[in-house]
Amino acid sequence: MATTQPELPKADPPVRGSAFTWTATILACAYILWSGTMLYLSTPKFADMFSSMGFELPLPTRIVIATYRFGYPLWFGGVTALVIAKQFYMRQKWPNLSISLVAVVMVDVISRGIVWALYRPLLM
């Protein structure tokens, strides 16, 4: 007499992300790219204005103006790529959403720092 083992229920295949996490990822990417684009378009206007004034700029402002051409695409594009890439590797919903939230908060903090550096000479 052969013994049969009970069949175990088959696990569902891993899901690549729910509609909710994809929506959050797309909104996060839109915000990140919009922030980067607006800063990229406005920084040259500040640079032209400061060059016409002819006074010594603070170090943070000089750094922002000197590095915006390669720094903004590298920073904002890199964060966007990471937020999209995590969508394919993160299986759990809440860590996935947490990474999107952290990315948006980091971009917001860096963007505010850039804006502060650009407006600082005008407020001194």
Protein backbone atom coordinates (compact mmCIF):
# COMPACT_ATOMS: atom_id res chain seq x y z
CA MET A 1 0.00 0.00 0.00
CA ALA A 2 1.49 3.29 -1.10
CA THR A 3 1.18 6.31 1.11
CA THR A 4 0.32 9.57 -0.50
CA GLN A 5 1.36 12.85 0.88
CA PRO A 6 -1.17 15.62 1.08
CA GLU A 7 -0.80 18.23 -1.62
CA LEU A 8 0.36 21.60 -0.43
CA PRO A 9 -1.34 24.67 -1.80
CA LYS A 10 0.71 26.30 -4.51
CA ALA A 11 2.01 29.77 -3.80
CA ASP A 12 0.91 32.58 -6.01
CA PRO A 13 3.61 33.91 -8.32
CA PRO A 14 5.30 37.06 -7.04
CA VAL A 15 3.57 40.22 -8.10
CA ARG A 16 5.67 42.97 -9.69
CA GLY A 17 3.72 45.68 -7.92
CA SER A 18 0.14 46.59 -7.43
CA ALA A 19 -1.67 49.39 -9.19
CA PHE A 20 -1.35 51.48 -6.03
CA THR A 21 2.45 51.19 -5.87
CA TRP A 22 2.76 51.89 -9.59
CA THR A 23 0.57 54.99 -9.21
CA ALA A 24 2.68 56.22 -6.31
CA THR A 25 5.85 55.56 -8.31
CA ILE A 26 4.60 57.46 -11.35
CA LEU A 27 3.48 60.42 -9.23
CA ALA A 28 6.82 60.45 -7.39
CA CYS A 29 8.72 60.39 -10.69
CA ALA A 30 6.56 63.19 -12.11
CA TYR A 31 7.26 65.36 -9.05
CA ILE A 32 11.00 64.64 -9.15
CA LEU A 33 11.30 65.38 -12.88
CA TRP A 34 9.16 68.51 -12.60
CA SER A 35 11.31 69.85 -9.75
CA GLY A 36 14.51 69.14 -11.64
CA THR A 37 13.23 70.71 -14.85
CA MET A 38 12.06 73.89 -13.15
CA LEU A 39 15.36 74.31 -11.34
CA TYR A 40 17.32 73.55 -14.53
CA LEU A 41 15.39 76.23 -16.42
CA SER A 42 15.58 78.90 -13.70
CA THR A 43 19.23 78.57 -12.62
CA PRO A 44 20.67 80.21 -15.79
CA LYS A 45 18.41 83.21 -15.23
CA PHE A 46 19.87 83.63 -11.75
CA ALA A 47 23.38 83.23 -13.14
CA ASP A 48 22.76 85.98 -15.73
CA MET A 49 21.27 88.26 -13.09
CA PHE A 50 24.22 87.73 -10.72
CA SER A 51 26.79 88.31 -13.46
CA SER A 52 25.15 91.66 -14.29
CA MET A 53 25.27 92.71 -10.62
CA GLY A 54 29.00 92.18 -10.40
CA PHE A 55 29.45 91.32 -6.72
CA GLU A 56 31.04 88.33 -4.96
CA LEU A 57 28.66 85.39 -4.65
CA PRO A 58 28.59 83.13 -1.60
CA LEU A 59 30.17 79.68 -2.00
CA PRO A 60 26.89 77.69 -2.09
CA THR A 61 25.58 79.89 -4.90
CA ARG A 62 28.81 79.54 -6.89
CA ILE A 63 28.70 75.75 -6.48
CA VAL A 64 25.07 75.54 -7.64
CA ILE A 65 25.71 77.74 -10.68
CA ALA A 66 28.91 75.90 -11.61
CA THR A 67 27.44 72.40 -11.36
CA TYR A 68 23.82 72.69 -12.44
CA ARG A 69 24.36 71.56 -16.06
CA PHE A 70 25.55 68.10 -15.08
CA GLY A 71 24.46 68.00 -11.43
CA TYR A 72 20.72 68.44 -11.91
CA PRO A 73 20.30 65.72 -14.57
CA LEU A 74 22.55 63.40 -12.57
CA TRP A 75 20.70 63.97 -9.29
CA PHE A 76 17.09 64.21 -10.47
CA GLY A 77 17.46 61.66 -13.27
CA GLY A 78 19.29 59.25 -10.99
CA VAL A 79 16.66 59.43 -8.28
CA THR A 80 13.93 58.92 -10.89
CA ALA A 81 15.74 55.87 -12.29
CA LEU A 82 16.13 54.42 -8.79
CA VAL A 83 12.46 54.95 -7.97
CA ILE A 84 11.47 53.15 -11.17
CA ALA A 85 14.04 50.35 -10.68
CA LYS A 86 12.87 49.60 -7.14
CA GLN A 87 9.42 48.92 -8.56
CA PHE A 88 10.81 45.81 -10.28
CA TYR A 89 12.74 44.49 -7.28
CA MET A 90 10.61 45.31 -4.25
CA ARG A 91 7.90 42.74 -3.66
CA GLN A 92 6.34 44.14 -0.48
CA LYS A 93 3.90 47.01 -0.75
CA TRP A 94 4.86 49.16 2.26
CA PRO A 95 8.66 49.13 1.83
CA ASN A 96 8.06 49.97 -1.83
CA LEU A 97 5.91 52.96 -0.92
CA SER A 98 8.34 53.99 1.81
CA ILE A 99 11.21 54.19 -0.67
CA SER A 100 9.10 56.38 -2.98
CA LEU A 101 8.23 58.67 -0.08
CA VAL A 102 11.85 58.93 1.08
CA ALA A 103 12.95 59.76 -2.48
CA VAL A 104 10.36 62.53 -2.78
CA VAL A 105 11.31 64.00 0.61
CA MET A 106 15.03 63.90 -0.26
CA VAL A 107 14.42 65.63 -3.58
CA ASP A 108 12.29 68.25 -1.85
CA VAL A 109 14.99 68.95 0.75
CA ILE A 110 17.73 69.20 -1.89
CA SER A 111 15.52 71.42 -4.08
CA ARG A 112 14.87 73.78 -1.18
CA GLY A 113 18.60 73.92 -0.52
CA ILE A 114 19.24 74.85 -4.14
CA VAL A 115 16.55 77.54 -4.05
CA TRP A 116 18.04 78.87 -0.80
CA ALA A 117 21.50 79.02 -2.42
CA LEU A 118 20.11 80.90 -5.43
CA TYR A 119 18.14 83.45 -3.40
CA ARG A 120 20.77 83.94 -0.69
CA PRO A 121 22.72 86.70 -2.51
CA LEU A 122 19.52 88.68 -3.02
CA LEU A 123 18.64 88.56 0.66
CA MET A 124 22.06 89.54 2.00
